[in-house]
């Protein structure tokens, strides 16, 4: 099941949050930076990398002080690779594979690839809905997905894309 909500991602209570990230696991938007700060020092310590990760990869960490157990960090950009439709698709696919492997049932996901010069909300919503439909058609996990929008306009785009998908 997929639902869309307008809420502060830092207050989502479920099993995990998938968050788009840079190759060094940094935040990609101010909203995601606020999520990092809400998670506190324990999370920030876990995010320290010595080498960048590849765009399209995903890793799982604890969630620090957030009301979820885990964060799945999906790498959508690096210093040499900007946000792209294909990079977002690969990152979300990899994150969903981690969700399946960890048997994460309840999951929140904000829009992927947003920001100045990146994807617009309609492109992001379409890619996310397609990838979720593909994954959920064969996978046992997650059992519940909440797409968390920051604004009502984002929620409308996400709801429309989900309605058009084959989930």
N, C-alpha and C. Protein backbone atom coordinates (compact mmCIF):
# COMPACT_ATOMS: atom_id res chain seq x y z
N UNK A 1 0.84 -1.18 0.00
CA UNK A 1 0.00 0.00 0.00
C UNK A 1 0.88 1.25 0.00
N UNK A 2 0.49 2.24 -0.80
CA UNK A 2 1.20 3.51 -0.87
C UNK A 2 0.24 4.62 -0.49
N UNK A 3 0.68 5.47 0.43
CA UNK A 3 -0.10 6.67 0.76
C UNK A 3 0.81 7.88 0.66
N UNK A 4 0.20 9.04 0.50
CA UNK A 4 0.94 10.29 0.41
C UNK A 4 0.48 11.18 1.55
N UNK A 5 1.45 11.81 2.23
CA UNK A 5 1.15 12.72 3.33
C UNK A 5 2.02 13.96 3.22
N UNK A 6 1.47 15.09 3.66
CA UNK A 6 2.27 16.29 3.86
C UNK A 6 2.60 16.31 5.35
N UNK A 7 3.86 16.14 5.66
CA UNK A 7 4.27 16.18 7.07
C UNK A 7 5.77 16.39 7.15
N UNK A 8 6.25 16.61 8.35
CA UNK A 8 7.68 16.75 8.59
C UNK A 8 8.27 15.35 8.69
N UNK A 9 9.17 15.03 7.80
CA UNK A 9 9.77 13.70 7.73
C UNK A 9 10.42 13.29 9.06
N UNK A 10 10.91 14.27 9.81
CA UNK A 10 11.59 13.97 11.08
C UNK A 10 10.64 13.40 12.13
N UNK A 11 9.33 13.52 11.91
CA UNK A 11 8.36 13.01 12.88
C UNK A 11 7.67 11.74 12.40
N UNK A 12 8.07 11.20 11.25
CA UNK A 12 7.48 9.96 10.76
C UNK A 12 7.83 8.83 11.72
N UNK A 13 6.83 8.04 12.09
CA UNK A 13 7.13 6.88 12.94
C UNK A 13 6.71 5.62 12.19
N UNK A 14 7.68 4.87 11.80
CA UNK A 14 7.52 3.59 11.12
C UNK A 14 8.81 2.84 11.35
N UNK A 15 9.19 2.00 10.42
CA UNK A 15 10.43 1.23 10.59
C UNK A 15 11.66 1.96 10.06
N UNK A 16 11.50 2.66 8.92
CA UNK A 16 12.67 3.28 8.29
C UNK A 16 12.25 4.42 7.37
N UNK A 17 13.25 5.22 7.03
CA UNK A 17 13.10 6.29 6.04
C UNK A 17 14.17 6.07 4.98
N UNK A 18 13.77 6.14 3.72
CA UNK A 18 14.76 6.21 2.63
C UNK A 18 15.00 7.69 2.38
N UNK A 19 16.26 8.08 2.35
CA UNK A 19 16.58 9.48 2.08
C UNK A 19 17.58 9.57 0.94
N UNK A 20 17.30 10.43 -0.05
CA UNK A 20 18.29 10.67 -1.09
C UNK A 20 19.51 11.35 -0.46
N UNK A 21 20.69 11.03 -0.95
CA UNK A 21 21.92 11.56 -0.37
C UNK A 21 22.97 11.77 -1.45
N UNK A 22 23.99 12.54 -1.08
CA UNK A 22 25.15 12.70 -1.96
C UNK A 22 26.08 11.50 -1.78
N UNK A 23 27.12 11.44 -2.58
CA UNK A 23 28.07 10.32 -2.53
C UNK A 23 28.79 10.22 -1.18
N UNK A 24 28.84 11.32 -0.43
CA UNK A 24 29.44 11.30 0.91
C UNK A 24 28.36 11.24 1.99
N UNK A 25 27.15 10.85 1.60
CA UNK A 25 25.97 10.70 2.47
C UNK A 25 25.49 12.01 3.06
N UNK A 26 25.78 13.11 2.36
CA UNK A 26 25.28 14.41 2.78
C UNK A 26 23.85 14.64 2.31
N UNK A 27 23.21 15.62 2.92
CA UNK A 27 21.85 15.98 2.56
C UNK A 27 21.82 16.62 1.18
N UNK A 28 20.74 16.39 0.45
CA UNK A 28 20.60 16.95 -0.90
C UNK A 28 19.69 18.18 -0.93
N UNK A 29 18.93 18.41 0.13
CA UNK A 29 18.03 19.57 0.21
C UNK A 29 18.02 20.08 1.65
N UNK A 30 17.56 21.31 1.87
CA UNK A 30 17.43 21.82 3.24
C UNK A 30 16.53 20.94 4.12
N UNK A 31 15.46 20.39 3.55
CA UNK A 31 14.58 19.49 4.31
C UNK A 31 15.37 18.29 4.84
N UNK A 32 16.20 17.71 4.01
CA UNK A 32 16.97 16.53 4.42
C UNK A 32 18.09 16.90 5.38
N UNK A 33 18.59 18.13 5.30
CA UNK A 33 19.57 18.60 6.29
C UNK A 33 18.89 18.72 7.66
N UNK A 34 17.65 19.22 7.68
CA UNK A 34 16.91 19.29 8.95
C UNK A 34 16.70 17.89 9.53
N UNK A 35 16.46 16.91 8.66
CA UNK A 35 16.30 15.53 9.11
C UNK A 35 17.60 15.05 9.78
N UNK A 36 18.74 15.34 9.17
CA UNK A 36 20.03 14.97 9.77
C UNK A 36 20.19 15.60 11.15
N UNK A 37 19.87 16.88 11.25
CA UNK A 37 20.02 17.58 12.52
C UNK A 37 19.09 17.01 13.58
N UNK A 38 17.87 16.66 13.18
CA UNK A 38 16.92 16.06 14.13
C UNK A 38 17.41 14.70 14.61
N UNK A 39 18.15 13.99 13.77
CA UNK A 39 18.67 12.67 14.13
C UNK A 39 19.81 12.76 15.13
N UNK A 40 20.50 13.88 15.15
CA UNK A 40 21.54 14.11 16.15
C UNK A 40 22.91 13.56 15.81
N UNK A 41 23.79 13.67 16.81
CA UNK A 41 25.20 13.33 16.64
C UNK A 41 25.44 11.87 16.29
N UNK A 42 24.66 10.96 16.86
CA UNK A 42 24.87 9.53 16.55
C UNK A 42 24.77 9.28 15.05
N UNK A 43 23.76 9.87 14.41
CA UNK A 43 23.64 9.69 12.96
C UNK A 43 24.79 10.38 12.25
N UNK A 44 25.08 11.61 12.60
CA UNK A 44 26.15 12.34 11.92
C UNK A 44 27.47 11.59 12.00
N UNK A 45 27.75 10.94 13.13
CA UNK A 45 28.97 10.14 13.25
C UNK A 45 28.96 8.96 12.27
N UNK A 46 27.79 8.35 12.07
CA UNK A 46 27.69 7.21 11.15
C UNK A 46 27.85 7.62 9.69
N UNK A 47 27.57 8.89 9.40
CA UNK A 47 27.62 9.36 8.02
C UNK A 47 29.02 9.73 7.55
N UNK A 48 29.99 9.70 8.44
CA UNK A 48 31.36 10.06 8.08
C UNK A 48 31.98 8.95 7.23
N UNK A 49 32.29 9.29 5.98
CA UNK A 49 32.90 8.33 5.05
C UNK A 49 34.30 8.78 4.68
N UNK A 50 35.16 7.84 4.38
CA UNK A 50 36.49 8.20 3.89
C UNK A 50 36.53 8.21 2.36
N UNK A 51 35.62 7.48 1.74
CA UNK A 51 35.55 7.41 0.28
C UNK A 51 34.11 7.62 -0.17
N UNK A 52 33.90 8.33 -1.28
CA UNK A 52 32.53 8.51 -1.76
C UNK A 52 31.92 7.21 -2.28
N UNK A 53 30.61 7.11 -2.16
CA UNK A 53 29.87 5.97 -2.70
C UNK A 53 29.45 6.28 -4.13
N UNK A 54 29.18 5.26 -4.90
CA UNK A 54 28.77 5.44 -6.30
C UNK A 54 27.32 5.89 -6.38
N UNK A 55 27.04 6.75 -7.34
CA UNK A 55 25.64 7.13 -7.60
C UNK A 55 24.88 5.86 -7.96
N UNK A 56 23.72 5.71 -7.36
CA UNK A 56 22.92 4.51 -7.58
C UNK A 56 23.05 3.49 -6.48
N UNK A 57 23.99 3.69 -5.57
CA UNK A 57 24.15 2.75 -4.46
C UNK A 57 23.28 3.18 -3.27
N UNK A 58 23.15 2.29 -2.30
CA UNK A 58 22.39 2.59 -1.08
C UNK A 58 22.99 1.84 0.09
N UNK A 59 22.98 2.48 1.25
CA UNK A 59 23.47 1.87 2.48
C UNK A 59 22.47 2.11 3.60
N UNK A 60 22.51 1.23 4.59
CA UNK A 60 21.59 1.30 5.73
C UNK A 60 22.40 1.68 6.97
N UNK A 61 21.85 2.62 7.77
CA UNK A 61 22.45 2.98 9.06
C UNK A 61 21.35 3.04 10.10
N UNK A 62 21.76 3.19 11.34
CA UNK A 62 20.81 3.51 12.39
C UNK A 62 20.25 4.90 12.13
N UNK A 63 19.20 5.26 12.85
CA UNK A 63 18.52 6.53 12.61
C UNK A 63 18.76 7.58 13.69
N UNK A 64 19.70 7.32 14.58
CA UNK A 64 19.97 8.30 15.63
C UNK A 64 18.75 8.54 16.50
N UNK A 65 18.40 9.80 16.68
CA UNK A 65 17.30 10.18 17.57
C UNK A 65 15.94 10.22 16.87
N UNK A 66 15.87 9.85 15.61
CA UNK A 66 14.60 9.86 14.89
C UNK A 66 13.69 8.75 15.41
N UNK A 67 12.37 8.87 15.23
CA UNK A 67 11.45 7.85 15.73
C UNK A 67 11.31 6.63 14.81
N UNK A 68 12.35 6.35 14.03
CA UNK A 68 12.42 5.13 13.22
C UNK A 68 13.70 4.40 13.62
N UNK A 69 13.80 3.13 13.24
CA UNK A 69 14.99 2.36 13.58
C UNK A 69 16.15 2.58 12.62
N UNK A 70 15.81 2.72 11.33
CA UNK A 70 16.85 2.73 10.30
C UNK A 70 16.66 3.85 9.29
N UNK A 71 17.77 4.26 8.69
CA UNK A 71 17.75 5.13 7.52
C UNK A 71 18.42 4.37 6.39
N UNK A 72 17.81 4.45 5.22
CA UNK A 72 18.41 3.89 4.01
C UNK A 72 18.82 5.09 3.16
N UNK A 73 20.11 5.24 2.94
CA UNK A 73 20.65 6.39 2.21
C UNK A 73 20.86 5.98 0.76
N UNK A 74 20.17 6.66 -0.15
CA UNK A 74 20.22 6.34 -1.58
C UNK A 74 21.01 7.44 -2.29
N UNK A 75 22.13 7.09 -2.88
CA UNK A 75 23.04 8.07 -3.46
C UNK A 75 22.55 8.52 -4.84
N UNK A 76 22.18 9.81 -4.93
CA UNK A 76 21.63 10.36 -6.18
C UNK A 76 22.58 11.31 -6.90
N UNK A 77 23.69 11.71 -6.25
CA UNK A 77 24.62 12.64 -6.90
C UNK A 77 26.00 12.52 -6.27
N UNK A 78 26.98 12.99 -7.03
CA UNK A 78 28.37 13.03 -6.55
C UNK A 78 29.01 14.29 -7.09
N UNK A 79 30.28 14.48 -6.78
CA UNK A 79 30.97 15.66 -7.30
C UNK A 79 31.17 15.57 -8.81
N UNK A 80 31.11 14.36 -9.35
CA UNK A 80 31.31 14.19 -10.80
C UNK A 80 30.04 13.80 -11.55
N UNK A 81 28.97 13.49 -10.84
CA UNK A 81 27.72 13.08 -11.48
C UNK A 81 26.54 13.82 -10.85
N UNK A 82 25.95 14.68 -11.64
CA UNK A 82 24.78 15.45 -11.18
C UNK A 82 23.56 14.55 -11.04
N UNK A 83 22.54 15.08 -10.38
CA UNK A 83 21.27 14.37 -10.29
C UNK A 83 20.73 14.17 -11.70
N UNK A 84 20.30 12.94 -11.99
CA UNK A 84 19.71 12.62 -13.29
C UNK A 84 18.57 11.64 -13.08
N UNK A 85 17.74 11.52 -14.09
CA UNK A 85 16.63 10.56 -14.01
C UNK A 85 17.17 9.14 -13.76
N UNK A 86 18.19 8.74 -14.49
CA UNK A 86 18.73 7.39 -14.35
C UNK A 86 19.40 7.19 -13.00
N UNK A 87 20.12 8.18 -12.51
CA UNK A 87 20.75 8.08 -11.20
C UNK A 87 19.72 7.95 -10.09
N UNK A 88 18.64 8.72 -10.19
CA UNK A 88 17.55 8.64 -9.20
C UNK A 88 16.91 7.26 -9.26
N UNK A 89 16.66 6.78 -10.46
CA UNK A 89 16.04 5.45 -10.62
C UNK A 89 16.92 4.36 -10.00
N UNK A 90 18.22 4.40 -10.31
CA UNK A 90 19.14 3.39 -9.77
C UNK A 90 19.24 3.47 -8.24
N UNK A 91 19.29 4.70 -7.72
CA UNK A 91 19.40 4.88 -6.27
C UNK A 91 18.16 4.36 -5.55
N UNK A 92 16.98 4.67 -6.08
CA UNK A 92 15.75 4.19 -5.44
C UNK A 92 15.66 2.67 -5.55
N UNK A 93 16.02 2.12 -6.70
CA UNK A 93 16.00 0.66 -6.87
C UNK A 93 16.93 -0.01 -5.86
N UNK A 94 18.12 0.52 -5.70
CA UNK A 94 19.08 -0.03 -4.74
C UNK A 94 18.56 0.09 -3.31
N UNK A 95 17.96 1.22 -2.99
CA UNK A 95 17.40 1.41 -1.64
C UNK A 95 16.28 0.41 -1.37
N UNK A 96 15.43 0.19 -2.35
CA UNK A 96 14.34 -0.78 -2.18
C UNK A 96 14.88 -2.21 -2.04
N UNK A 97 15.99 -2.50 -2.70
CA UNK A 97 16.63 -3.80 -2.51
C UNK A 97 17.14 -3.96 -1.07
N UNK A 98 17.67 -2.87 -0.49
CA UNK A 98 18.09 -2.91 0.92
C UNK A 98 16.88 -3.11 1.83
N UNK A 99 15.78 -2.44 1.52
CA UNK A 99 14.55 -2.60 2.31
C UNK A 99 14.10 -4.05 2.30
N UNK A 100 14.13 -4.68 1.14
CA UNK A 100 13.76 -6.08 1.03
C UNK A 100 14.72 -6.97 1.83
N UNK A 101 16.01 -6.74 1.68
CA UNK A 101 17.01 -7.56 2.38
C UNK A 101 16.89 -7.43 3.90
N UNK A 102 16.57 -6.24 4.37
CA UNK A 102 16.43 -6.00 5.81
C UNK A 102 15.01 -6.28 6.30
N UNK A 103 14.12 -6.64 5.40
CA UNK A 103 12.71 -6.93 5.72
C UNK A 103 12.05 -5.77 6.47
N UNK A 104 12.21 -4.59 5.91
CA UNK A 104 11.62 -3.37 6.48
C UNK A 104 10.19 -3.28 6.00
N UNK A 105 9.24 -3.27 6.93
CA UNK A 105 7.82 -3.30 6.57
C UNK A 105 7.25 -1.92 6.29
N UNK A 106 7.44 -0.97 7.19
CA UNK A 106 6.84 0.37 7.06
C UNK A 106 7.92 1.39 6.77
N UNK A 107 7.71 2.13 5.69
CA UNK A 107 8.76 2.94 5.10
C UNK A 107 8.23 4.30 4.69
N UNK A 108 9.02 5.35 4.92
CA UNK A 108 8.71 6.69 4.40
C UNK A 108 9.76 7.08 3.38
N UNK A 109 9.32 7.79 2.35
CA UNK A 109 10.23 8.25 1.30
C UNK A 109 9.84 9.67 0.90
N UNK A 110 10.78 10.63 0.96
CA UNK A 110 10.52 11.96 0.42
C UNK A 110 10.77 11.95 -1.09
N UNK A 111 10.37 12.99 -1.80
CA UNK A 111 10.67 13.06 -3.23
C UNK A 111 12.18 13.01 -3.48
N UNK A 112 12.59 12.30 -4.50
CA UNK A 112 13.99 12.13 -4.86
C UNK A 112 14.40 13.12 -5.95
N UNK A 113 15.63 13.63 -5.86
CA UNK A 113 16.24 14.39 -6.94
C UNK A 113 15.79 15.82 -7.09
N UNK A 114 15.13 16.37 -6.07
CA UNK A 114 14.67 17.75 -6.16
C UNK A 114 15.80 18.72 -5.85
N UNK A 115 15.57 19.99 -6.16
CA UNK A 115 16.56 21.03 -5.89
C UNK A 115 16.84 21.82 -7.16
N UNK A 116 17.47 22.96 -6.98
CA UNK A 116 17.76 23.84 -8.11
C UNK A 116 18.59 23.11 -9.16
N UNK A 117 18.12 23.13 -10.40
CA UNK A 117 18.84 22.50 -11.50
C UNK A 117 18.70 21.00 -11.57
N UNK A 118 17.88 20.42 -10.71
CA UNK A 118 17.69 18.97 -10.69
C UNK A 118 16.34 18.62 -11.29
N UNK A 119 15.75 17.52 -10.87
CA UNK A 119 14.44 17.10 -11.37
C UNK A 119 13.34 17.99 -10.79
N UNK A 120 12.25 18.15 -11.54
CA UNK A 120 11.09 18.83 -10.95
C UNK A 120 10.24 17.77 -10.25
N UNK A 121 9.26 18.21 -9.49
CA UNK A 121 8.47 17.29 -8.68
C UNK A 121 7.70 16.29 -9.55
N UNK A 122 7.23 16.70 -10.72
CA UNK A 122 6.50 15.77 -11.57
C UNK A 122 7.40 14.64 -12.09
N UNK A 123 8.63 14.99 -12.51
CA UNK A 123 9.58 13.96 -12.94
C UNK A 123 9.92 13.01 -11.80
N UNK A 124 10.21 13.59 -10.65
CA UNK A 124 10.55 12.78 -9.48
C UNK A 124 9.41 11.85 -9.11
N UNK A 125 8.20 12.39 -9.04
CA UNK A 125 7.03 11.58 -8.66
C UNK A 125 6.81 10.44 -9.65
N UNK A 126 6.94 10.73 -10.94
CA UNK A 126 6.75 9.71 -11.97
C UNK A 126 7.77 8.57 -11.81
N UNK A 127 9.05 8.94 -11.68
CA UNK A 127 10.10 7.93 -11.52
C UNK A 127 9.88 7.10 -10.26
N UNK A 128 9.54 7.76 -9.17
CA UNK A 128 9.33 7.05 -7.91
C UNK A 128 8.15 6.10 -8.01
N UNK A 129 7.04 6.56 -8.58
CA UNK A 129 5.85 5.70 -8.70
C UNK A 129 6.15 4.49 -9.58
N UNK A 130 6.85 4.70 -10.69
CA UNK A 130 7.22 3.58 -11.57
C UNK A 130 8.08 2.56 -10.84
N UNK A 131 9.10 3.05 -10.16
CA UNK A 131 10.04 2.14 -9.48
C UNK A 131 9.36 1.42 -8.32
N UNK A 132 8.51 2.12 -7.58
CA UNK A 132 7.77 1.48 -6.49
C UNK A 132 6.82 0.41 -7.04
N UNK A 133 6.13 0.71 -8.12
CA UNK A 133 5.21 -0.27 -8.72
C UNK A 133 5.97 -1.51 -9.16
N UNK A 134 7.12 -1.32 -9.80
CA UNK A 134 7.93 -2.45 -10.24
C UNK A 134 8.36 -3.29 -9.05
N UNK A 135 8.86 -2.65 -8.02
CA UNK A 135 9.36 -3.37 -6.84
C UNK A 135 8.22 -4.08 -6.09
N UNK A 136 7.14 -3.35 -5.83
CA UNK A 136 6.05 -3.91 -5.02
C UNK A 136 5.30 -5.04 -5.73
N UNK A 137 5.43 -5.12 -7.05
CA UNK A 137 4.73 -6.18 -7.78
C UNK A 137 5.30 -7.56 -7.48
N UNK A 138 6.54 -7.62 -6.99
CA UNK A 138 7.17 -8.92 -6.74
C UNK A 138 7.76 -9.08 -5.34
N UNK A 139 7.91 -8.00 -4.59
CA UNK A 139 8.63 -8.06 -3.31
C UNK A 139 7.68 -8.12 -2.12
N UNK A 140 8.09 -8.84 -1.09
CA UNK A 140 7.31 -8.95 0.14
C UNK A 140 7.47 -7.72 1.05
N UNK A 141 8.57 -6.98 0.87
CA UNK A 141 8.83 -5.79 1.69
C UNK A 141 9.19 -4.63 0.79
N UNK A 142 8.72 -3.44 1.12
CA UNK A 142 7.93 -3.06 2.28
C UNK A 142 6.45 -3.41 2.10
N UNK A 143 5.73 -3.44 3.20
CA UNK A 143 4.29 -3.69 3.13
C UNK A 143 3.50 -2.38 3.11
N UNK A 144 4.12 -1.31 3.57
CA UNK A 144 3.45 0.00 3.59
C UNK A 144 4.48 1.08 3.27
N UNK A 145 4.15 1.92 2.29
CA UNK A 145 5.02 3.02 1.89
C UNK A 145 4.27 4.33 2.07
N UNK A 146 4.90 5.26 2.76
CA UNK A 146 4.35 6.61 2.90
C UNK A 146 5.27 7.56 2.15
N UNK A 147 4.75 8.19 1.10
CA UNK A 147 5.49 9.22 0.39
C UNK A 147 5.24 10.52 1.13
N UNK A 148 6.30 11.12 1.64
CA UNK A 148 6.17 12.30 2.50
C UNK A 148 6.52 13.54 1.70
N UNK A 149 5.51 14.38 1.48
CA UNK A 149 5.67 15.63 0.74
C UNK A 149 5.89 16.77 1.72
N UNK A 150 6.63 17.76 1.28
CA UNK A 150 6.86 18.95 2.11
C UNK A 150 5.74 19.98 1.91
N UNK A 151 5.13 19.98 0.71
CA UNK A 151 4.08 20.96 0.40
C UNK A 151 2.87 20.26 -0.20
N UNK A 152 1.71 20.93 -0.18
CA UNK A 152 0.54 20.36 -0.85
C UNK A 152 0.75 20.13 -2.35
N UNK A 153 1.50 21.00 -3.01
CA UNK A 153 1.77 20.81 -4.45
C UNK A 153 2.58 19.54 -4.70
N UNK A 154 3.57 19.27 -3.85
CA UNK A 154 4.31 18.02 -3.97
C UNK A 154 3.39 16.83 -3.76
N UNK A 155 2.51 16.94 -2.78
CA UNK A 155 1.57 15.84 -2.49
C UNK A 155 0.68 15.55 -3.69
N UNK A 156 0.19 16.59 -4.35
CA UNK A 156 -0.67 16.41 -5.53
C UNK A 156 0.10 15.67 -6.63
N UNK A 157 1.35 16.08 -6.88
CA UNK A 157 2.16 15.42 -7.91
C UNK A 157 2.40 13.95 -7.56
N UNK A 158 2.71 13.67 -6.31
CA UNK A 158 2.95 12.29 -5.88
C UNK A 158 1.68 11.46 -5.98
N UNK A 159 0.56 11.99 -5.51
CA UNK A 159 -0.72 11.26 -5.58
C UNK A 159 -1.09 10.94 -7.02
N UNK A 160 -0.91 11.92 -7.90
CA UNK A 160 -1.24 11.72 -9.31
C UNK A 160 -0.36 10.63 -9.93
N UNK A 161 0.94 10.66 -9.65
CA UNK A 161 1.85 9.66 -10.20
C UNK A 161 1.53 8.27 -9.67
N UNK A 162 1.22 8.16 -8.39
CA UNK A 162 0.88 6.86 -7.80
C UNK A 162 -0.41 6.33 -8.42
N UNK A 163 -1.39 7.21 -8.63
CA UNK A 163 -2.66 6.79 -9.23
C UNK A 163 -2.46 6.26 -10.65
N UNK A 164 -1.49 6.81 -11.39
CA UNK A 164 -1.22 6.36 -12.75
C UNK A 164 -0.36 5.11 -12.80
N UNK A 165 0.31 4.78 -11.70
CA UNK A 165 1.19 3.60 -11.70
C UNK A 165 0.36 2.33 -11.59
N UNK A 166 1.00 1.20 -11.73
CA UNK A 166 0.28 -0.08 -11.72
C UNK A 166 0.29 -0.77 -10.37
N UNK A 167 0.54 -0.02 -9.29
CA UNK A 167 0.54 -0.61 -7.94
C UNK A 167 -0.86 -1.02 -7.57
